[in-house]
Protein backbone atom coordinates (compact mmCIF):
# COMPACT_ATOMS: atom_id res chain seq x y z
CA MET A 1 -28.01 -55.51 -6.74
CA PHE A 2 -30.30 -53.83 -9.28
CA GLY A 3 -31.38 -50.89 -7.10
CA LEU A 4 -34.76 -52.41 -6.29
CA GLY A 5 -36.27 -51.07 -3.11
CA LYS A 6 -34.22 -47.88 -3.24
CA VAL A 7 -35.25 -44.25 -3.60
CA THR A 8 -33.34 -41.05 -4.39
CA CYS A 9 -33.05 -38.39 -1.70
CA GLU A 10 -34.24 -35.00 -3.00
CA LEU A 11 -31.66 -33.12 -0.93
CA CYS A 12 -28.38 -35.01 -1.44
CA GLN A 13 -29.30 -37.11 -4.51
CA SER A 14 -28.01 -40.33 -2.90
CA ARG A 15 -29.75 -43.70 -3.35
CA VAL A 16 -30.99 -45.18 -0.06
CA LEU A 17 -33.24 -48.05 0.96
CA LYS A 18 -36.92 -47.15 1.25
CA ARG A 19 -36.90 -48.02 4.94
CA HIS A 20 -34.15 -45.43 5.55
CA ALA A 21 -36.09 -42.60 3.89
CA ARG A 22 -39.14 -40.49 4.61
CA ARG A 23 -41.58 -40.07 1.74
CA GLY A 24 -43.54 -36.91 1.00
CA GLN A 25 -47.29 -36.91 0.39
CA ASP A 26 -47.12 -35.30 -3.02
CA ALA A 27 -47.74 -36.59 -6.52
CA ARG A 28 -44.03 -37.24 -7.09
CA GLY A 29 -43.45 -39.06 -3.82
CA ALA A 30 -40.29 -37.05 -3.07
CA CYS A 31 -38.07 -38.60 -0.39
CA VAL A 32 -35.57 -37.43 2.22
CA CYS A 33 -32.90 -39.83 3.47
CA GLY A 34 -32.35 -40.38 7.18
CA ALA A 35 -28.95 -38.67 7.09
CA CYS A 36 -30.34 -35.44 5.61
CA TYR A 37 -33.27 -35.43 8.03
CA THR A 38 -30.95 -35.96 11.01
CA GLU A 39 -28.64 -33.17 9.82
CA TRP A 40 -31.62 -30.81 9.50
CA ASP A 41 -32.83 -31.86 12.97
CA LYS A 42 -29.43 -31.18 14.56
CA ALA A 43 -29.18 -27.79 12.81
CA GLY A 44 -32.27 -26.51 14.67
CA ARG A 45 -35.15 -27.68 12.44
CA LYS A 46 -35.24 -24.36 10.54
CA CYS A 47 -37.88 -24.02 7.81
CA VAL A 48 -36.33 -23.34 4.40
CA GLU A 49 -39.36 -21.27 3.36
CA CYS A 50 -40.09 -18.94 6.30
CA GLY A 51 -36.90 -19.26 8.39
CA SER A 52 -38.59 -20.08 11.70
CA ALA A 53 -38.11 -23.35 13.59
CA VAL A 54 -40.45 -26.32 13.20
CA ARG A 55 -41.54 -27.08 16.75
CA GLY A 56 -43.48 -29.72 18.64
CA MET A 57 -46.38 -31.28 16.81
CA GLN A 58 -46.12 -29.15 13.65
CA ASP A 59 -46.15 -31.18 10.43
CA VAL A 60 -42.81 -31.42 8.63
CA GLY A 61 -42.76 -30.95 4.86
CA ILE A 62 -40.27 -31.31 2.03
CA PHE A 63 -39.65 -28.56 -0.51
CA ALA A 64 -38.33 -30.42 -3.56
CA ALA A 65 -37.88 -27.29 -5.68
CA ARG A 66 -35.85 -25.51 -2.96
CA ARG A 67 -34.16 -28.72 -1.79
CA GLY A 68 -35.01 -28.25 1.85
CA ILE A 69 -37.25 -29.21 4.75
CA GLY A 70 -39.67 -27.04 6.73
CA HIS A 71 -43.31 -26.56 7.70
CA SER A 72 -45.88 -28.34 5.60
CA ASP A 73 -48.10 -25.28 6.24
CA CYS A 74 -45.59 -23.17 4.29
CA GLY A 75 -46.30 -25.22 1.17
CA GLY A 76 -44.12 -28.31 1.61
CA ALA A 77 -45.29 -31.85 0.91
CA ARG A 78 -46.04 -33.45 4.29
CA LEU A 79 -43.49 -36.11 5.22
CA LEU A 80 -44.65 -39.56 6.25
CA TYR A 81 -42.72 -41.26 9.05
CA ALA A 82 -43.24 -44.82 7.83
């Protein structure tokens, strides 16, 4: 009712429940909604920074300034899955 328990997705700017978002491990606590993450996953998991695919056990990160997802090794804030 009052927006409690909701966060704003950094990519699409929509308000979603915390349990439907993945939070980044940065000072801001940037979030990505499940819909944006699924869309990125279906599009081939391409890193917005370096252009190569995020594969296997590589850590996924969010780039809030570039509004994208990619490798955390490329400078993105590591995404938490909880």
